Amino acid sequence: MIFVTNSKNNKRKRANKKHIFYLLALVFNVAQAQPESSIGKEYYFYINSYRVEQYVTKNKHRALTFLLQAEKVHPLFGGDAWGASLDYCDEHDYKMAELYFEKALLRGMKFDYILSNALLSEFINSPYYKLLATKKDSLEKEYRSNLDLNYITFIYQLFGQDQIVRLSKSDLSTFIPIEYMHVIDSVSLRQFKEYIFSHGFPSISNIDYTTYNLTQSFFNHWFDYDTTTIKSDSIYIFFNNEFEKGNLYAGFFTKCLDYHYLRTTNKQLFGNYINYQKQPPTYNEFIDDKNIDRARELYSLYPLICDTAIYKNLILPKNYKYTAPKND
């Protein structure tokens, strides 16, 4: 049994007042900082159009025009630069492939990925690979120098306190009741909100991919919302604003929304979950498999059909209808 003293109650009241202040300030800050235009939406319109032309319609020339337009809006994120470099390798344009590999390395992609990709043997045997190898150390050093180590450390600390409870539950269930996991979720969310209000959220170009995934995965436990109620939450407003500024990947909240829908309906809305135990792989069932792309487009995700170029033998939903990207 846990006894709470008056002193602890007073501390809790002060903490709650501080938390309310943070939330009010956060909402006010976001309302004042709404951007006039959406860099994120414009960037992903061109990137998604590039993917459609590259992988669906197979119009390589038109795909390139969309890629160049995306770069005019915002420097390519690491995964997009990496994808472009692989596409240039397919075209045997190793000079351009080397250029985009450089951009990918500056955004955190690993040089060893090139060596481990069996499809890149021709590039590896070209002089452009040797040129890239001479730049490897300086590119990786520049990437590391731009990392926000304070944020990365903070996220790993949150992850540590979260996991010590979850991993201890099975062995120490007598001492750590399951309700305490909800408590640690509430504590972690409060700490996260306080951190981003005080320090802001770094661009994803300044954090590694693991840290980004950890940040995103926390929201599976922090939120139990649907697509309507989540939009009124202050943290959603904050991150939507970060996306508008070009600091965030598309669809940041769609994973936790799909997680919520799968738990409550055994179906998903956006297509984040694929069952690889089945052969060929198939998506978990959809709530509305006729309007998947329309749902995805609201969060600037590429049309689902592009997944078939990434995941071989993937089966699209029976009633799936392709919807082309729109630049609203």
C-alpha atoms as a PDB file:
ATOM      1  CA  MET A   1       0.000   0.000   0.000  1.00  0.00           C
ATOM      2  CA  ILE A   2       1.276   3.502  -0.858  1.00  0.00           C
ATOM      3  CA  PHE A   3       0.666   6.346   1.661  1.00  0.00           C
ATOM      4  CA  VAL A   4       0.638   9.916   0.356  1.00  0.00           C
ATOM      5  CA  THR A   5       1.561  12.615   2.865  1.00  0.00           C
ATOM      6  CA  ASN A   6       0.235  16.191   2.879  1.00  0.00           C
ATOM      7  CA  SER A   7       3.650  17.307   1.684  1.00  0.00           C
ATOM      8  CA  LYS A   8       3.396  15.043  -1.303  1.00  0.00           C
ATOM      9  CA  ASN A   9      -0.145  16.270  -1.988  1.00  0.00           C
ATOM     10  CA  ASN A  10       1.055  19.858  -1.995  1.00  0.00           C
ATOM     11  CA  LYS A  11       3.883  18.982  -4.371  1.00  0.00           C
ATOM     12  CA  ARG A  12       1.414  17.224  -6.654  1.00  0.00           C
ATOM     13  CA  LYS A  13      -0.886  20.282  -6.674  1.00  0.00           C
ATOM     14  CA  ARG A  14       2.053  22.531  -7.569  1.00  0.00           C
ATOM     15  CA  ALA A  15       3.077  20.103 -10.326  1.00  0.00           C
ATOM     16  CA  ASN A  16      -0.485  20.095 -11.690  1.00  0.00           C
ATOM     17  CA  LYS A  17      -0.586  23.906 -11.726  1.00  0.00           C
ATOM     18  CA  LYS A  18       2.765  23.948 -13.510  1.00  0.00           C
ATOM     19  CA  HIS A  19       1.479  21.394 -16.017  1.00  0.00           C
ATOM     20  CA  ILE A  20      -1.656  23.485 -16.709  1.00  0.00           C
ATOM     21  CA  PHE A  21       0.536  26.530 -17.281  1.00  0.00           C
ATOM     22  CA  TYR A  22       2.659  24.601 -19.768  1.00  0.00           C
ATOM     23  CA  LEU A  23      -0.400  23.435 -21.695  1.00  0.00           C
ATOM     24  CA  LEU A  24      -1.992  26.877 -21.845  1.00  0.00           C
ATOM     25  CA  ALA A  25       1.284  28.431 -22.947  1.00  0.00           C
ATOM     26  CA  LEU A  26       1.788  25.686 -25.536  1.00  0.00           C
ATOM     27  CA  VAL A  27      -1.652  26.196 -27.088  1.00  0.00           C
ATOM     28  CA  PHE A  28      -1.138  29.984 -27.145  1.00  0.00           C
ATOM     29  CA  ASN A  29       2.325  29.582 -28.648  1.00  0.00           C
ATOM     30  CA  VAL A  30       1.049  27.285 -31.400  1.00  0.00           C
ATOM     31  CA  ALA A  31      -1.892  29.559 -32.200  1.00  0.00           C
ATOM     32  CA  GLN A  32       0.480  32.497 -32.620  1.00  0.00           C
ATOM     33  CA  ALA A  33       2.979  30.551 -34.734  1.00  0.00           C
ATOM     34  CA  GLN A  34       0.771  29.022 -37.430  1.00  0.00           C
ATOM     35  CA  PRO A  35       2.687  29.302 -40.728  1.00  0.00           C
ATOM     36  CA  GLU A  36       1.139  31.114 -43.663  1.00  0.00           C
ATOM     37  CA  SER A  37       1.867  28.222 -46.017  1.00  0.00           C
ATOM     38  CA  SER A  38       2.599  24.555 -45.536  1.00  0.00           C
ATOM     39  CA  ILE A  39       6.129  23.557 -46.489  1.00  0.00           C
ATOM     40  CA  GLY A  40       5.368  20.008 -45.402  1.00  0.00           C
ATOM     41  CA  LYS A  41       2.293  19.572 -47.580  1.00  0.00           C
ATOM     42  CA  GLU A  42       3.943  21.129 -50.633  1.00  0.00           C
ATOM     43  CA  TYR A  43       7.109  19.067 -50.203  1.00  0.00           C
ATOM     44  CA  TYR A  44       5.180  15.832 -49.883  1.00  0.00           C
ATOM     45  CA  PHE A  45       2.926  16.612 -52.821  1.00  0.00           C
ATOM     46  CA  TYR A  46       6.028  16.625 -55.028  1.00  0.00           C
ATOM     47  CA  ILE A  47       7.661  13.647 -53.283  1.00  0.00           C
ATOM     48  CA  ASN A  48       4.468  11.587 -53.502  1.00  0.00           C
ATOM     49  CA  SER A  49       4.029  12.552 -57.155  1.00  0.00           C
ATOM     50  CA  TYR A  50       7.641  11.523 -57.740  1.00  0.00           C
ATOM     51  CA  ARG A  51       6.922   8.112 -56.196  1.00  0.00           C
ATOM     52  CA  VAL A  52       3.809   7.612 -58.316  1.00  0.00           C
ATOM     53  CA  GLU A  53       5.614   8.507 -61.549  1.00  0.00           C
ATOM     54  CA  GLN A  54       8.684   6.464 -60.618  1.00  0.00           C
ATOM     55  CA  TYR A  55       7.012   3.300 -59.350  1.00  0.00           C
ATOM     56  CA  VAL A  56       3.466   3.251 -60.749  1.00  0.00           C
ATOM     57  CA  THR A  57       3.322   4.989 -64.133  1.00  0.00           C
ATOM     58  CA  LYS A  58       7.054   4.375 -64.774  1.00  0.00           C
ATOM     59  CA  ASN A  59       7.511   7.828 -66.268  1.00  0.00           C
ATOM     60  CA  LYS A  60      11.124   8.419 -65.219  1.00  0.00           C
ATOM     61  CA  HIS A  61      11.468  11.842 -66.834  1.00  0.00           C
ATOM     62  CA  ARG A  62       8.308  13.221 -65.211  1.00  0.00           C
ATOM     63  CA  ALA A  63       9.360  11.676 -61.889  1.00  0.00           C
ATOM     64  CA  LEU A  64      12.615  13.643 -62.023  1.00  0.00           C
ATOM     65  CA  THR A  65      10.778  16.941 -62.483  1.00  0.00           C
ATOM     66  CA  PHE A  66       8.778  16.296 -59.319  1.00  0.00           C
ATOM     67  CA  LEU A  67      11.942  15.386 -57.387  1.00  0.00           C
ATOM     68  CA  LEU A  68      13.595  18.655 -58.393  1.00  0.00           C
ATOM     69  CA  GLN A  69      10.464  20.587 -57.408  1.00  0.00           C
ATOM     70  CA  ALA A  70      10.496  18.952 -53.960  1.00  0.00           C
ATOM     71  CA  GLU A  71      14.106  20.050 -53.439  1.00  0.00           C
ATOM     72  CA  LYS A  72      13.134  23.628 -54.206  1.00  0.00           C
ATOM     73  CA  VAL A  73      10.599  23.502 -51.389  1.00  0.00           C
ATOM     74  CA  HIS A  74      12.797  21.781 -48.771  1.00  0.00           C
ATOM     75  CA  PRO A  75      16.114  19.857 -48.706  1.00  0.00           C
ATOM     76  CA  LEU A  76      15.415  16.163 -49.242  1.00  0.00           C
ATOM     77  CA  PHE A  77      15.014  14.052 -46.133  1.00  0.00           C
ATOM     78  CA  GLY A  78      17.444  11.152 -45.820  1.00  0.00           C
ATOM     79  CA  GLY A  79      15.075   8.419 -46.978  1.00  0.00           C
ATOM     80  CA  ASP A  80      13.948  10.441 -49.991  1.00  0.00           C
ATOM     81  CA  ALA A  81      17.530  11.211 -51.031  1.00  0.00           C
ATOM     82  CA  TRP A  82      18.413   7.546 -50.576  1.00  0.00           C
ATOM     83  CA  GLY A  83      15.481   6.463 -52.741  1.00  0.00           C
ATOM     84  CA  ALA A  84      16.493   8.921 -55.451  1.00  0.00           C
ATOM     85  CA  SER A  85      20.067   7.613 -55.437  1.00  0.00           C
ATOM     86  CA  LEU A  86      18.814   4.026 -55.864  1.00  0.00           C
ATOM     87  CA  ASP A  87      16.611   5.121 -58.747  1.00  0.00           C
ATOM     88  CA  TYR A  88      19.565   6.806 -60.451  1.00  0.00           C
ATOM     89  CA  CYS A  89      21.526   3.576 -60.014  1.00  0.00           C
ATOM     90  CA  ASP A  90      18.713   1.741 -61.804  1.00  0.00           C
ATOM     91  CA  GLU A  91      19.200   4.167 -64.677  1.00  0.00           C
ATOM     92  CA  HIS A  92      22.995   3.638 -64.549  1.00  0.00           C
ATOM     93  CA  ASP A  93      23.463   7.358 -63.931  1.00  0.00           C
ATOM     94  CA  TYR A  94      26.122   6.896 -61.276  1.00  0.00           C
ATOM     95  CA  LYS A  95      27.188  10.527 -61.233  1.00  0.00           C
ATOM     96  CA  MET A  96      23.738  11.608 -60.060  1.00  0.00           C
ATOM     97  CA  ALA A  97      23.495   8.567 -57.780  1.00  0.00           C
ATOM     98  CA  GLU A  98      26.691   9.665 -56.011  1.00  0.00           C
ATOM     99  CA  LEU A  99      25.296  13.176 -55.561  1.00  0.00           C
ATOM    100  CA  TYR A 100      22.123  11.896 -53.902  1.00  0.00           C
ATOM    101  CA  PHE A 101      24.032   9.388 -51.783  1.00  0.00           C
ATOM    102  CA  GLU A 102      25.946  12.390 -50.416  1.00  0.00           C
ATOM    103  CA  LYS A 103      22.662  14.091 -49.513  1.00  0.00           C
ATOM    104  CA  ALA A 104      21.428  10.897 -47.862  1.00  0.00           C
ATOM    105  CA  LEU A 105      24.580  10.540 -45.762  1.00  0.00           C
ATOM    106  CA  LEU A 106      24.221  14.144 -44.607  1.00  0.00           C
ATOM    107  CA  ARG A 107      20.752  13.183 -43.332  1.00  0.00           C
ATOM    108  CA  GLY A 108      21.866  10.117 -41.423  1.00  0.00           C
ATOM    109  CA  MET A 109      21.703   7.213 -43.868  1.00  0.00           C
ATOM    110  CA  LYS A 110      24.508   4.711 -43.308  1.00  0.00           C
ATOM    111  CA  PHE A 111      27.329   4.231 -45.811  1.00  0.00           C
ATOM    112  CA  ASP A 112      27.321   0.501 -45.035  1.00  0.00           C
ATOM    113  CA  TYR A 113      23.816   0.258 -46.518  1.00  0.00           C
ATOM    114  CA  ILE A 114      25.431   0.640 -49.934  1.00  0.00           C
ATOM    115  CA  LEU A 115      27.793  -2.279 -49.391  1.00  0.00           C
ATOM    116  CA  SER A 116      24.997  -4.493 -48.061  1.00  0.00           C
ATOM    117  CA  ASN A 117      22.753  -3.885 -51.081  1.00  0.00           C
ATOM    118  CA  ALA A 118      23.375  -6.587 -53.669  1.00  0.00           C
ATOM    119  CA  LEU A 119      21.683  -4.480 -56.359  1.00  0.00           C
ATOM    120  CA  LEU A 120      24.376  -1.800 -56.126  1.00  0.00           C
ATOM    121  CA  SER A 121      27.320  -3.900 -57.320  1.00  0.00           C
ATOM    122  CA  GLU A 122      27.696  -1.895 -60.553  1.00  0.00           C
ATOM    123  CA  PHE A 123      27.732   1.382 -58.654  1.00  0.00           C
ATOM    124  CA  ILE A 124      30.288  -0.036 -56.195  1.00  0.00           C
ATOM    125  CA  ASN A 125      32.540  -0.905 -59.116  1.00  0.00           C
ATOM    126  CA  SER A 126      32.259   2.594 -60.582  1.00  0.00           C
ATOM    127  CA  PRO A 127      34.637   5.506 -59.925  1.00  0.00           C
ATOM    128  CA  TYR A 128      31.752   7.428 -58.357  1.00  0.00           C
ATOM    129  CA  TYR A 129      31.615   4.974 -55.471  1.00  0.00           C
ATOM    130  CA  LYS A 130      35.310   5.590 -54.841  1.00  0.00           C
ATOM    131  CA  LEU A 131      34.624   9.333 -54.906  1.00  0.00           C
ATOM    132  CA  LEU A 132      31.836   8.901 -52.367  1.00  0.00           C
ATOM    133  CA  ALA A 133      34.099   6.756 -50.156  1.00  0.00           C
ATOM    134  CA  THR A 134      36.629   9.606 -49.935  1.00  0.00           C
ATOM    135  CA  LYS A 135      33.877  11.923 -48.646  1.00  0.00           C
ATOM    136  CA  LYS A 136      32.295   9.423 -46.251  1.00  0.00           C
ATOM    137  CA  ASP A 137      34.026  10.495 -43.035  1.00  0.00           C
ATOM    138  CA  SER A 138      33.487  14.223 -43.539  1.00  0.00           C
ATOM    139  CA  LEU A 139      29.817  13.731 -44.461  1.00  0.00           C
ATOM    140  CA  GLU A 140      29.157  11.570 -41.408  1.00  0.00           C
ATOM    141  CA  LYS A 141      31.032  14.030 -39.181  1.00  0.00           C
ATOM    142  CA  GLU A 142      28.894  16.892 -40.459  1.00  0.00           C
ATOM    143  CA  TYR A 143      25.742  14.848 -39.824  1.00  0.00           C
ATOM    144  CA  ARG A 144      26.796  14.071 -36.251  1.00  0.00           C
ATOM    145  CA  SER A 145      27.697  17.695 -35.577  1.00  0.00           C
ATOM    146  CA  ASN A 146      24.118  18.728 -36.392  1.00  0.00           C
ATOM    147  CA  LEU A 147      22.431  16.190 -34.100  1.00  0.00           C
ATOM    148  CA  ASP A 148      20.383  17.558 -31.221  1.00  0.00           C
ATOM    149  CA  LEU A 149      21.995  15.465 -28.491  1.00  0.00           C
ATOM    150  CA  ASN A 150      19.891  17.047 -25.755  1.00  0.00           C
ATOM    151  CA  TYR A 151      16.666  15.869 -27.357  1.00  0.00           C
ATOM    152  CA  ILE A 152      18.098  12.437 -28.209  1.00  0.00           C
ATOM    153  CA  THR A 153      19.269  11.951 -24.601  1.00  0.00           C
ATOM    154  CA  PHE A 154      15.909  13.092 -23.263  1.00  0.00           C
ATOM    155  CA  ILE A 155      13.979  10.595 -25.436  1.00  0.00           C
ATOM    156  CA  TYR A 156      16.215   7.716 -24.384  1.00  0.00           C
ATOM    157  CA  GLN A 157      15.682   8.663 -20.732  1.00  0.00           C
ATOM    158  CA  LEU A 158      11.916   8.614 -21.288  1.00  0.00           C
ATOM    159  CA  PHE A 159      12.231   5.264 -23.015  1.00  0.00           C
ATOM    160  CA  GLY A 160      14.286   3.893 -20.130  1.00  0.00           C
ATOM    161  CA  GLN A 161      11.768   4.842 -17.446  1.00  0.00           C
ATOM    162  CA  ASP A 162       8.943   3.482 -19.601  1.00  0.00           C
ATOM    163  CA  GLN A 163      10.595   0.142 -20.295  1.00  0.00           C
ATOM    164  CA  ILE A 164      11.777  -0.528 -16.763  1.00  0.00           C
ATOM    165  CA  VAL A 165       8.117  -0.599 -15.728  1.00  0.00           C
ATOM    166  CA  ARG A 166       6.886  -2.650 -18.663  1.00  0.00           C
ATOM    167  CA  LEU A 167       9.718  -5.162 -18.522  1.00  0.00           C
ATOM    168  CA  SER A 168       9.389  -5.484 -14.754  1.00  0.00           C
ATOM    169  CA  LYS A 169       5.651  -6.103 -14.849  1.00  0.00           C
ATOM    170  CA  SER A 170       5.870  -9.820 -15.616  1.00  0.00           C
ATOM    171  CA  ASP A 171       8.410 -10.508 -12.860  1.00  0.00           C
ATOM    172  CA  LEU A 172       7.265  -8.008 -10.253  1.00  0.00           C
ATOM    173  CA  SER A 173       3.520  -7.885 -10.813  1.00  0.00           C
ATOM    174  CA  THR A 174       2.988  -8.159  -7.054  1.00  0.00           C
ATOM    175  CA  PHE A 175       4.860  -4.887  -6.522  1.00  0.00           C
ATOM    176  CA  ILE A 176       4.060  -3.045  -9.779  1.00  0.00           C
ATOM    177  CA  PRO A 177       0.347  -3.274 -10.621  1.00  0.00           C
ATOM    178  CA  ILE A 178      -0.713  -2.864 -14.220  1.00  0.00           C
ATOM    179  CA  GLU A 179      -2.327   0.473 -13.356  1.00  0.00           C
ATOM    180  CA  TYR A 180       1.126   1.878 -12.729  1.00  0.00           C
ATOM    181  CA  MET A 181       1.897   1.581 -16.443  1.00  0.00           C
ATOM    182  CA  HIS A 182      -0.837   4.131 -17.048  1.00  0.00           C
ATOM    183  CA  VAL A 183       0.775   6.332 -14.425  1.00  0.00           C
ATOM    184  CA  ILE A 184       4.186   6.165 -16.124  1.00  0.00           C
ATOM    185  CA  ASP A 185       2.505   6.969 -19.463  1.00  0.00           C
ATOM    186  CA  SER A 186       0.948  10.085 -17.919  1.00  0.00           C
ATOM    187  CA  VAL A 187       4.239  11.112 -16.328  1.00  0.00           C
ATOM    188  CA  SER A 188       6.156  10.590 -19.584  1.00  0.00           C
ATOM    189  CA  LEU A 189       3.622  12.569 -21.600  1.00  0.00           C
ATOM    190  CA  ARG A 190       3.748  15.449 -19.132  1.00  0.00           C
ATOM    191  CA  GLN A 191       7.549  15.473 -19.224  1.00  0.00           C
ATOM    192  CA  PHE A 192       7.522  15.338 -23.029  1.00  0.00           C
ATOM    193  CA  LYS A 193       5.136  18.286 -23.301  1.00  0.00           C
ATOM    194  CA  GLU A 194       7.204  20.306 -20.841  1.00  0.00           C
ATOM    195  CA  TYR A 195      10.371  19.553 -22.802  1.00  0.00           C
ATOM    196  CA  ILE A 196       9.088  20.530 -26.245  1.00  0.00           C
ATOM    197  CA  PHE A 197       7.497  23.677 -24.843  1.00  0.00           C
ATOM    198  CA  SER A 198      10.764  24.717 -23.227  1.00  0.00           C
ATOM    199  CA  HIS A 199      13.161  23.619 -25.974  1.00  0.00           C
ATOM    200  CA  GLY A 200      11.066  23.111 -29.106  1.00  0.00           C
ATOM    201  CA  PHE A 201      11.174  20.090 -31.366  1.00  0.00           C
ATOM    202  CA  PRO A 202      14.268  19.653 -33.560  1.00  0.00           C
ATOM    203  CA  SER A 203      13.911  19.119 -37.266  1.00  0.00           C
ATOM    204  CA  ILE A 204      14.038  15.425 -38.098  1.00  0.00           C
ATOM    205  CA  SER A 205      17.236  16.200 -39.971  1.00  0.00           C
ATOM    206  CA  ASN A 206      18.782  16.783 -36.526  1.00  0.00           C
ATOM    207  CA  ILE A 207      17.757  13.502 -34.885  1.00  0.00           C
ATOM    208  CA  ASP A 208      18.562   9.936 -35.848  1.00  0.00           C
ATOM    209  CA  TYR A 209      15.918   7.588 -37.199  1.00  0.00           C
ATOM    210  CA  THR A 210      15.807   5.465 -34.027  1.00  0.00           C
ATOM    211  CA  THR A 211      15.036   8.527 -31.905  1.00  0.00           C
ATOM    212  CA  TYR A 212      12.298   9.531 -34.331  1.00  0.00           C
ATOM    213  CA  ASN A 213      10.752   6.041 -34.151  1.00  0.00           C
ATOM    214  CA  LEU A 214      10.896   6.081 -30.349  1.00  0.00           C
ATOM    215  CA  THR A 215       9.188   9.473 -30.275  1.00  0.00           C
ATOM    216  CA  GLN A 216       6.462   8.196 -32.574  1.00  0.00           C
ATOM    217  CA  SER A 217       6.005   4.921 -30.677  1.00  0.00           C
ATOM    218  CA  PHE A 218       5.318   6.716 -27.382  1.00  0.00           C
ATOM    219  CA  PHE A 219       2.093   8.060 -28.849  1.00  0.00           C
ATOM    220  CA  ASN A 220       0.661   4.540 -29.082  1.00  0.00           C
ATOM    221  CA  HIS A 221       0.414   4.614 -25.277  1.00  0.00           C
ATOM    222  CA  TRP A 222      -0.126   8.319 -24.728  1.00  0.00           C
ATOM    223  CA  PHE A 223      -3.222   8.704 -26.915  1.00  0.00           C
ATOM    224  CA  ASP A 224      -6.432   6.718 -27.154  1.00  0.00           C
ATOM    225  CA  TYR A 225      -8.144   8.918 -29.726  1.00  0.00           C
ATOM    226  CA  ASP A 226      -9.822   8.709 -33.110  1.00  0.00           C
ATOM    227  CA  THR A 227      -9.211  11.005 -36.091  1.00  0.00           C
ATOM    228  CA  THR A 228     -11.708  13.589 -34.823  1.00  0.00           C
ATOM    229  CA  THR A 229     -10.855  13.997 -31.148  1.00  0.00           C
ATOM    230  CA  ILE A 230      -7.085  13.856 -31.588  1.00  0.00           C
ATOM    231  CA  LYS A 231      -7.085  17.114 -33.561  1.00  0.00           C
ATOM    232  CA  SER A 232      -8.150  19.131 -30.516  1.00  0.00           C
ATOM    233  CA  ASP A 233      -5.222  17.918 -28.419  1.00  0.00           C
ATOM    234  CA  SER A 234      -2.467  20.477 -27.844  1.00  0.00           C
ATOM    235  CA  ILE A 235       0.292  18.021 -28.717  1.00  0.00           C
ATOM    236  CA  TYR A 236      -1.367  17.236 -32.051  1.00  0.00           C
ATOM    237  CA  ILE A 237      -1.603  20.951 -32.797  1.00  0.00           C
ATOM    238  CA  PHE A 238       2.067  21.385 -31.919  1.00  0.00           C
ATOM    239  CA  PHE A 239       3.302  18.554 -34.157  1.00  0.00           C
ATOM    240  CA  ASN A 240       0.991  19.500 -36.997  1.00  0.00           C
ATOM    241  CA  ASN A 241       2.601  22.923 -36.889  1.00  0.00           C
ATOM    242  CA  GLU A 242       6.047  21.294 -37.025  1.00  0.00           C
ATOM    243  CA  PHE A 243       4.969  19.352 -40.110  1.00  0.00           C
ATOM    244  CA  GLU A 244       3.698  22.537 -41.741  1.00  0.00           C
ATOM    245  CA  LYS A 245       7.151  24.068 -41.202  1.00  0.00           C
ATOM    246  CA  GLY A 246       8.866  21.082 -42.835  1.00  0.00           C
ATOM    247  CA  ASN A 247      10.325  19.657 -39.615  1.00  0.00           C
ATOM    248  CA  LEU A 248       8.501  16.327 -39.614  1.00  0.00           C
ATOM    249  CA  TYR A 249       7.838  13.313 -41.817  1.00  0.00           C
ATOM    250  CA  ALA A 250       4.345  12.955 -43.247  1.00  0.00           C
ATOM    251  CA  GLY A 251       1.799  10.920 -41.324  1.00  0.00           C
ATOM    252  CA  PHE A 252       3.384  11.288 -37.881  1.00  0.00           C
ATOM    253  CA  PHE A 253       0.103  10.598 -36.074  1.00  0.00           C
ATOM    254  CA  THR A 254      -1.318   7.989 -38.459  1.00  0.00           C
ATOM    255  CA  LYS A 255       0.597   5.167 -36.776  1.00  0.00           C
ATOM    256  CA  CYS A 256      -0.888   5.808 -33.326  1.00  0.00           C
ATOM    257  CA  LEU A 257      -4.324   6.286 -34.913  1.00  0.00           C
ATOM    258  CA  ASP A 258      -4.069   2.936 -36.698  1.00  0.00           C
ATOM    259  CA  TYR A 259      -2.837   1.409 -33.440  1.00  0.00           C
ATOM    260  CA  HIS A 260      -5.940   2.773 -31.694  1.00  0.00           C
ATOM    261  CA  TYR A 261      -8.307   1.513 -34.412  1.00  0.00           C
ATOM    262  CA  LEU A 262      -6.735  -1.947 -34.431  1.00  0.00           C
ATOM    263  CA  ARG A 263      -7.188  -2.222 -30.677  1.00  0.00           C
ATOM    264  CA  THR A 264     -10.810  -1.069 -30.798  1.00  0.00           C
ATOM    265  CA  THR A 265     -12.079  -2.429 -34.146  1.00  0.00           C
ATOM    266  CA  ASN A 266      -9.397  -4.891 -35.355  1.00  0.00           C
ATOM    267  CA  LYS A 267      -9.185  -2.718 -38.461  1.00  0.00           C
ATOM    268  CA  GLN A 268      -6.945   0.144 -39.590  1.00  0.00           C
ATOM    269  CA  LEU A 269      -7.505   3.340 -41.548  1.00  0.00           C
ATOM    270  CA  PHE A 270      -4.167   4.262 -43.163  1.00  0.00           C
ATOM    271  CA  GLY A 271      -2.276   1.034 -43.833  1.00  0.00           C
ATOM    272  CA  ASN A 272       0.599   1.216 -41.345  1.00  0.00           C
ATOM    273  CA  TYR A 273       0.272  -2.443 -40.398  1.00  0.00           C
ATOM    274  CA  ILE A 274       1.111  -5.344 -42.722  1.00  0.00           C
ATOM    275  CA  ASN A 275       0.856  -9.019 -41.803  1.00  0.00           C
ATOM    276  CA  TYR A 276       4.151 -10.574 -42.891  1.00  0.00           C
ATOM    277  CA  GLN A 277       3.248 -13.963 -41.432  1.00  0.00           C
ATOM    278  CA  LYS A 278       0.931 -14.492 -44.375  1.00  0.00           C
ATOM    279  CA  GLN A 279       2.422 -15.338 -47.753  1.00  0.00           C
ATOM    280  CA  PRO A 280       2.126 -13.263 -49.772  1.00  0.00           C
ATOM    281  CA  PRO A 281       2.072 -10.436 -47.199  1.00  0.00           C
ATOM    282  CA  THR A 282      -1.268  -8.675 -46.752  1.00  0.00           C
ATOM    283  CA  TYR A 283      -2.458  -5.572 -44.937  1.00  0.00           C
ATOM    284  CA  ASN A 284      -4.424  -5.827 -41.747  1.00  0.00           C
ATOM    285  CA  GLU A 285      -8.076  -5.250 -42.597  1.00  0.00           C
ATOM    286  CA  PHE A 286      -9.191  -1.690 -43.380  1.00  0.00           C
ATOM    287  CA  ILE A 287     -12.145   0.232 -42.000  1.00  0.00           C
ATOM    288  CA  ASP A 288     -12.878   1.647 -45.467  1.00  0.00           C
ATOM    289  CA  ASP A 289     -10.844  -0.033 -48.195  1.00  0.00           C
ATOM    290  CA  LYS A 290     -12.415   2.090 -50.974  1.00  0.00           C
ATOM    291  CA  ASN A 291     -11.133   5.404 -49.631  1.00  0.00           C
ATOM    292  CA  ILE A 292      -7.710   4.536 -48.246  1.00  0.00           C
ATOM    293  CA  ASP A 293      -5.801   7.010 -50.409  1.00  0.00           C
ATOM    294  CA  ARG A 294      -8.195   9.813 -49.488  1.00  0.00           C
ATOM    295  CA  ALA A 295      -7.600   9.152 -45.797  1.00  0.00           C
ATOM    296  CA  ARG A 296      -3.844   8.983 -46.371  1.00  0.00           C
ATOM    297  CA  GLU A 297      -3.846  12.186 -48.419  1.00  0.00           C
ATOM    298  CA  LEU A 298      -5.224  14.166 -45.468  1.00  0.00           C
ATOM    299  CA  TYR A 299      -1.926  13.387 -43.721  1.00  0.00           C
ATOM    300  CA  SER A 300       0.232  13.842 -46.855  1.00  0.00           C
ATOM    301  CA  LEU A 301       1.000  10.119 -47.195  1.00  0.00           C
ATOM    302  CA  TYR A 302       1.728   8.682 -50.630  1.00  0.00           C
ATOM    303  CA  PRO A 303      -0.932   6.517 -52.346  1.00  0.00           C
ATOM    304  CA  LEU A 304      -0.994   2.985 -50.980  1.00  0.00           C
ATOM    305  CA  ILE A 305      -0.186   1.473 -54.374  1.00  0.00           C
ATOM    306  CA  CYS A 306       3.395   2.760 -54.031  1.00  0.00           C
ATOM    307  CA  ASP A 307       3.908   0.193 -51.254  1.00  0.00           C
ATOM    308  CA  THR A 308       3.905  -2.546 -53.886  1.00  0.00           C
ATOM    309  CA  ALA A 309       7.200  -1.175 -55.213  1.00  0.00           C
ATOM    310  CA  ILE A 310       8.720  -1.357 -51.724  1.00  0.00           C
ATOM    311  CA  TYR A 311       7.292  -4.630 -50.438  1.00  0.00           C
ATOM    312  CA  LYS A 312       7.472  -7.335 -53.083  1.00  0.00           C
ATOM    313  CA  ASN A 313       4.393  -9.549 -53.593  1.00  0.00           C
ATOM    314  CA  LEU A 314       2.324  -7.336 -51.296  1.00  0.00           C
ATOM    315  CA  ILE A 315      -1.408  -7.773 -51.895  1.00  0.00           C
ATOM    316  CA  LEU A 316      -3.484  -4.587 -52.078  1.00  0.00           C
ATOM    317  CA  PRO A 317      -6.970  -4.583 -50.488  1.00  0.00           C
ATOM    318  CA  LYS A 318      -9.678  -6.002 -52.758  1.00  0.00           C
ATOM    319  CA  ASN A 319     -11.678  -2.770 -53.109  1.00  0.00           C
ATOM    320  CA  TYR A 320      -8.692  -0.399 -53.160  1.00  0.00           C
ATOM    321  CA  LYS A 321      -9.032   2.573 -55.519  1.00  0.00           C
ATOM    322  CA  TYR A 322      -5.993   4.621 -56.447  1.00  0.00           C
ATOM    323  CA  THR A 323      -6.235   8.378 -55.867  1.00  0.00           C
ATOM    324  CA  ALA A 324      -3.556  10.644 -57.344  1.00  0.00           C
ATOM    325  CA  PRO A 325      -1.774  13.190 -55.091  1.00  0.00           C
ATOM    326  CA  LYS A 326      -3.302  16.691 -55.041  1.00  0.00           C
ATOM    327  CA  ASN A 327      -1.636  20.006 -54.336  1.00  0.00           C
ATOM    328  CA  ASP A 328      -4.344  21.901 -52.438  1.00  0.00           C
END
